[in-house]
Amino acid sequence: MSKSPWVDGSESALKIAERSLARGEKVAVLHIQDACIATTIDDYCEKLAERGITGYALKADCEARGLLDKVGREIKIVDYKDWIRLVMKERGAVVSWTS
């Protein structure tokens, strides 16, 4: 996800993730750009964890927004190299959610 949690559509991305979970798929959400703001909201981070969704936040974007020390403990901080590893080796499909 790349949009702020206050932009319309962010809840829809979680609904898509939940449908994938219901099909037995492993789901992860990588937060980049303004979506990193969501990783500082306790309720949001807890929702991800309760649903079994692995949450990631891009370190550079968290740092740029002064959020690095506020990211929820459920969220894994990744750098660009980790991002590529996640996409190329650990996850079978990628859905980019930008609206």
N, C-alpha and C. Protein backbone atom coordinates (compact mmCIF):
# COMPACT_ATOMS: atom_id res chain seq x y z
N MET A 1 0.84 -1.17 0.00
CA MET A 1 0.00 0.00 0.00
C MET A 1 0.88 1.23 0.00
N SER A 2 0.37 2.28 -0.63
CA SER A 2 1.18 3.50 -0.69
C SER A 2 0.43 4.75 -0.22
N LYS A 3 -0.84 4.64 0.06
CA LYS A 3 -1.63 5.81 0.44
C LYS A 3 -1.83 5.90 1.95
N SER A 4 -2.04 7.11 2.41
CA SER A 4 -2.32 7.38 3.81
C SER A 4 -3.55 6.59 4.26
N PRO A 5 -3.60 6.19 5.52
CA PRO A 5 -4.78 5.45 6.01
C PRO A 5 -6.05 6.28 6.00
N TRP A 6 -5.94 7.59 5.78
CA TRP A 6 -7.12 8.44 5.76
C TRP A 6 -7.64 8.69 4.35
N VAL A 7 -7.03 8.04 3.36
CA VAL A 7 -7.48 8.16 1.98
C VAL A 7 -8.48 7.04 1.72
N ASP A 8 -9.54 7.34 1.00
CA ASP A 8 -10.52 6.31 0.67
C ASP A 8 -9.85 5.14 -0.04
N GLY A 9 -10.25 3.94 0.32
CA GLY A 9 -9.74 2.74 -0.34
C GLY A 9 -8.80 1.92 0.51
N SER A 10 -8.24 2.48 1.57
CA SER A 10 -7.28 1.72 2.36
C SER A 10 -7.94 0.53 3.04
N GLU A 11 -9.18 0.65 3.47
CA GLU A 11 -9.89 -0.47 4.08
C GLU A 11 -10.16 -1.56 3.05
N SER A 12 -10.38 -1.15 1.79
CA SER A 12 -10.63 -2.13 0.74
C SER A 12 -9.43 -3.03 0.51
N ALA A 13 -8.24 -2.48 0.66
CA ALA A 13 -7.03 -3.30 0.50
C ALA A 13 -7.01 -4.41 1.53
N LEU A 14 -7.44 -4.11 2.76
CA LEU A 14 -7.49 -5.15 3.79
C LEU A 14 -8.55 -6.19 3.46
N LYS A 15 -9.65 -5.77 2.86
CA LYS A 15 -10.69 -6.73 2.47
C LYS A 15 -10.18 -7.68 1.40
N ILE A 16 -9.40 -7.17 0.46
CA ILE A 16 -8.80 -8.03 -0.56
C ILE A 16 -7.86 -9.03 0.11
N ALA A 17 -7.07 -8.55 1.06
CA ALA A 17 -6.15 -9.43 1.79
C ALA A 17 -6.93 -10.51 2.53
N GLU A 18 -8.06 -10.14 3.14
CA GLU A 18 -8.87 -11.11 3.88
C GLU A 18 -9.44 -12.18 2.96
N ARG A 19 -9.84 -11.80 1.75
CA ARG A 19 -10.35 -12.81 0.79
C ARG A 19 -9.25 -13.79 0.42
N SER A 20 -8.04 -13.29 0.27
CA SER A 20 -6.92 -14.18 -0.03
C SER A 20 -6.66 -15.12 1.13
N LEU A 21 -6.75 -14.60 2.34
CA LEU A 21 -6.57 -15.44 3.53
C LEU A 21 -7.63 -16.54 3.58
N ALA A 22 -8.86 -16.18 3.23
CA ALA A 22 -9.96 -17.15 3.25
C ALA A 22 -9.72 -18.28 2.26
N ARG A 23 -8.96 -18.02 1.21
CA ARG A 23 -8.62 -19.06 0.24
C ARG A 23 -7.39 -19.87 0.68
N GLY A 24 -6.89 -19.55 1.87
CA GLY A 24 -5.75 -20.29 2.39
C GLY A 24 -4.40 -19.76 1.95
N GLU A 25 -4.38 -18.59 1.36
CA GLU A 25 -3.12 -18.00 0.90
C GLU A 25 -2.43 -17.26 2.03
N LYS A 26 -1.11 -17.22 1.99
CA LYS A 26 -0.34 -16.40 2.93
C LYS A 26 -0.35 -14.98 2.39
N VAL A 27 -0.61 -14.03 3.28
CA VAL A 27 -0.75 -12.64 2.84
C VAL A 27 0.20 -11.74 3.63
N ALA A 28 0.78 -10.80 2.91
CA ALA A 28 1.62 -9.78 3.54
C ALA A 28 1.27 -8.44 2.90
N VAL A 29 1.42 -7.38 3.67
CA VAL A 29 1.19 -6.04 3.17
C VAL A 29 2.45 -5.22 3.41
N LEU A 30 3.00 -4.68 2.33
CA LEU A 30 4.15 -3.80 2.42
C LEU A 30 3.66 -2.36 2.36
N HIS A 31 3.96 -1.60 3.38
CA HIS A 31 3.56 -0.20 3.47
C HIS A 31 4.71 0.67 2.99
N ILE A 32 4.44 1.46 1.96
CA ILE A 32 5.43 2.39 1.44
C ILE A 32 4.81 3.78 1.42
N GLN A 33 5.62 4.77 1.21
CA GLN A 33 5.20 6.16 1.12
C GLN A 33 4.29 6.51 2.30
N ASP A 34 3.15 7.16 2.06
CA ASP A 34 2.29 7.60 3.16
C ASP A 34 1.55 6.46 3.85
N ALA A 35 1.53 5.28 3.28
CA ALA A 35 0.91 4.14 3.96
C ALA A 35 1.67 3.77 5.22
N CYS A 36 2.91 4.22 5.33
CA CYS A 36 3.69 3.96 6.55
C CYS A 36 3.03 4.58 7.78
N ILE A 37 2.22 5.60 7.57
CA ILE A 37 1.50 6.22 8.69
C ILE A 37 0.62 5.18 9.38
N ALA A 38 0.00 4.30 8.60
CA ALA A 38 -0.89 3.28 9.17
C ALA A 38 -0.15 2.37 10.15
N THR A 39 1.14 2.16 9.93
CA THR A 39 1.90 1.25 10.78
C THR A 39 2.16 1.82 12.17
N THR A 40 1.77 3.07 12.39
CA THR A 40 1.92 3.69 13.71
C THR A 40 0.61 3.66 14.49
N ILE A 41 -0.44 3.13 13.89
CA ILE A 41 -1.77 3.09 14.51
C ILE A 41 -1.97 1.71 15.13
N ASP A 42 -2.05 1.67 16.44
CA ASP A 42 -2.14 0.39 17.16
C ASP A 42 -3.28 -0.49 16.69
N ASP A 43 -4.49 0.08 16.54
CA ASP A 43 -5.64 -0.73 16.12
C ASP A 43 -5.41 -1.38 14.77
N TYR A 44 -4.82 -0.63 13.85
CA TYR A 44 -4.54 -1.16 12.52
C TYR A 44 -3.53 -2.31 12.59
N CYS A 45 -2.46 -2.11 13.32
CA CYS A 45 -1.42 -3.15 13.45
C CYS A 45 -2.00 -4.41 14.10
N GLU A 46 -2.84 -4.22 15.09
CA GLU A 46 -3.47 -5.37 15.76
C GLU A 46 -4.40 -6.10 14.82
N LYS A 47 -5.14 -5.37 13.96
CA LYS A 47 -6.02 -6.01 12.98
C LYS A 47 -5.21 -6.91 12.05
N LEU A 48 -4.09 -6.39 11.57
CA LEU A 48 -3.24 -7.20 10.68
C LEU A 48 -2.82 -8.48 11.38
N ALA A 49 -2.30 -8.33 12.59
CA ALA A 49 -1.80 -9.49 13.33
C ALA A 49 -2.91 -10.49 13.63
N GLU A 50 -4.07 -10.01 14.03
CA GLU A 50 -5.20 -10.90 14.34
C GLU A 50 -5.63 -11.71 13.13
N ARG A 51 -5.52 -11.11 11.96
CA ARG A 51 -5.95 -11.78 10.73
C ARG A 51 -4.86 -12.67 10.14
N GLY A 52 -3.68 -12.61 10.72
CA GLY A 52 -2.58 -13.41 10.20
C GLY A 52 -1.89 -12.79 9.00
N ILE A 53 -2.03 -11.48 8.86
CA ILE A 53 -1.41 -10.76 7.75
C ILE A 53 -0.07 -10.21 8.24
N THR A 54 0.99 -10.55 7.54
CA THR A 54 2.30 -10.04 7.88
C THR A 54 2.42 -8.62 7.37
N GLY A 55 2.78 -7.70 8.25
CA GLY A 55 2.93 -6.30 7.87
C GLY A 55 4.39 -5.91 7.78
N TYR A 56 4.71 -5.19 6.72
CA TYR A 56 6.05 -4.67 6.50
C TYR A 56 5.96 -3.17 6.28
N ALA A 57 7.00 -2.45 6.62
CA ALA A 57 7.09 -1.02 6.33
C ALA A 57 8.48 -0.74 5.78
N LEU A 58 8.51 0.07 4.72
CA LEU A 58 9.79 0.43 4.11
C LEU A 58 10.52 1.44 5.00
N LYS A 59 11.70 1.06 5.42
CA LYS A 59 12.49 1.85 6.37
C LYS A 59 12.72 3.28 5.87
N ALA A 60 13.11 3.43 4.62
CA ALA A 60 13.42 4.77 4.09
C ALA A 60 12.20 5.69 4.16
N ASP A 61 11.01 5.16 3.87
CA ASP A 61 9.81 5.98 3.91
C ASP A 61 9.40 6.31 5.34
N CYS A 62 9.60 5.37 6.26
CA CYS A 62 9.33 5.66 7.68
C CYS A 62 10.28 6.73 8.19
N GLU A 63 11.54 6.62 7.84
CA GLU A 63 12.53 7.62 8.26
C GLU A 63 12.21 8.99 7.69
N ALA A 64 11.82 9.03 6.41
CA ALA A 64 11.54 10.30 5.76
C ALA A 64 10.37 11.04 6.42
N ARG A 65 9.49 10.27 7.05
CA ARG A 65 8.32 10.85 7.68
C ARG A 65 8.46 10.97 9.20
N GLY A 66 9.63 10.62 9.72
CA GLY A 66 9.87 10.70 11.16
C GLY A 66 9.07 9.68 11.96
N LEU A 67 8.80 8.52 11.36
CA LEU A 67 7.93 7.52 11.98
C LEU A 67 8.64 6.28 12.48
N LEU A 68 9.92 6.15 12.19
CA LEU A 68 10.61 4.88 12.44
C LEU A 68 10.46 4.39 13.88
N ASP A 69 10.53 5.28 14.84
CA ASP A 69 10.43 4.85 16.24
C ASP A 69 8.99 4.71 16.71
N LYS A 70 8.02 4.96 15.82
CA LYS A 70 6.61 4.86 16.19
C LYS A 70 5.90 3.66 15.56
N VAL A 71 6.60 2.92 14.70
CA VAL A 71 6.01 1.78 14.00
C VAL A 71 5.65 0.69 15.01
N GLY A 72 4.48 0.11 14.84
CA GLY A 72 4.01 -0.94 15.75
C GLY A 72 4.94 -2.14 15.78
N ARG A 73 4.99 -2.79 16.92
CA ARG A 73 5.90 -3.93 17.10
C ARG A 73 5.53 -5.12 16.21
N GLU A 74 4.30 -5.15 15.71
CA GLU A 74 3.85 -6.23 14.83
C GLU A 74 4.40 -6.09 13.42
N ILE A 75 4.91 -4.91 13.09
CA ILE A 75 5.35 -4.59 11.74
C ILE A 75 6.85 -4.82 11.60
N LYS A 76 7.22 -5.44 10.49
CA LYS A 76 8.64 -5.69 10.21
C LYS A 76 9.16 -4.56 9.31
N ILE A 77 10.26 -3.97 9.73
CA ILE A 77 10.90 -2.91 8.95
C ILE A 77 11.82 -3.55 7.92
N VAL A 78 11.69 -3.10 6.66
CA VAL A 78 12.52 -3.65 5.59
C VAL A 78 13.19 -2.52 4.81
N ASP A 79 14.34 -2.84 4.23
CA ASP A 79 14.99 -1.88 3.35
C ASP A 79 14.70 -2.27 1.91
N TYR A 80 15.29 -1.56 0.96
CA TYR A 80 15.01 -1.84 -0.45
C TYR A 80 15.43 -3.25 -0.86
N LYS A 81 16.55 -3.70 -0.34
CA LYS A 81 17.03 -5.04 -0.67
C LYS A 81 16.05 -6.10 -0.16
N ASP A 82 15.52 -5.89 1.06
CA ASP A 82 14.52 -6.81 1.61
C ASP A 82 13.26 -6.81 0.76
N TRP A 83 12.87 -5.63 0.28
CA TRP A 83 11.67 -5.51 -0.56
C TRP A 83 11.81 -6.39 -1.80
N ILE A 84 12.95 -6.29 -2.46
CA ILE A 84 13.19 -7.10 -3.66
C ILE A 84 13.16 -8.59 -3.32
N ARG A 85 13.77 -8.96 -2.19
CA ARG A 85 13.76 -10.36 -1.77
C ARG A 85 12.34 -10.84 -1.54
N LEU A 86 11.53 -10.03 -0.89
CA LEU A 86 10.13 -10.40 -0.63
C LEU A 86 9.38 -10.64 -1.93
N VAL A 87 9.55 -9.74 -2.87
CA VAL A 87 8.83 -9.84 -4.14
C VAL A 87 9.33 -11.00 -4.99
N MET A 88 10.63 -11.16 -5.06
CA MET A 88 11.20 -12.14 -5.98
C MET A 88 11.28 -13.55 -5.42
N LYS A 89 11.42 -13.70 -4.11
CA LYS A 89 11.68 -15.03 -3.57
C LYS A 89 10.64 -15.55 -2.59
N GLU A 90 10.02 -14.66 -1.83
CA GLU A 90 9.16 -15.14 -0.75
C GLU A 90 7.68 -15.10 -1.05
N ARG A 91 7.26 -14.28 -1.97
CA ARG A 91 5.83 -14.14 -2.25
C ARG A 91 5.56 -14.53 -3.70
N GLY A 92 4.47 -15.27 -3.92
CA GLY A 92 4.17 -15.76 -5.25
C GLY A 92 3.44 -14.76 -6.14
N ALA A 93 2.70 -13.84 -5.56
CA ALA A 93 1.96 -12.86 -6.34
C ALA A 93 2.04 -11.51 -5.66
N VAL A 94 1.97 -10.48 -6.47
CA VAL A 94 2.03 -9.13 -5.95
C VAL A 94 0.82 -8.37 -6.47
N VAL A 95 0.10 -7.72 -5.56
CA VAL A 95 -1.00 -6.84 -5.93
C VAL A 95 -0.62 -5.46 -5.43
N SER A 96 -0.51 -4.52 -6.35
CA SER A 96 -0.18 -3.16 -5.97
C SER A 96 -1.47 -2.39 -5.75
N TRP A 97 -1.60 -1.81 -4.57
CA TRP A 97 -2.82 -1.08 -4.22
C TRP A 97 -2.47 0.39 -4.08
N THR A 98 -2.90 1.20 -5.07
CA THR A 98 -2.54 2.61 -5.05
C THR A 98 -3.73 3.55 -5.04
N SER A 99 -4.93 3.06 -5.04
CA SER A 99 -6.06 4.00 -5.05
C SER A 99 -6.68 4.10 -3.68
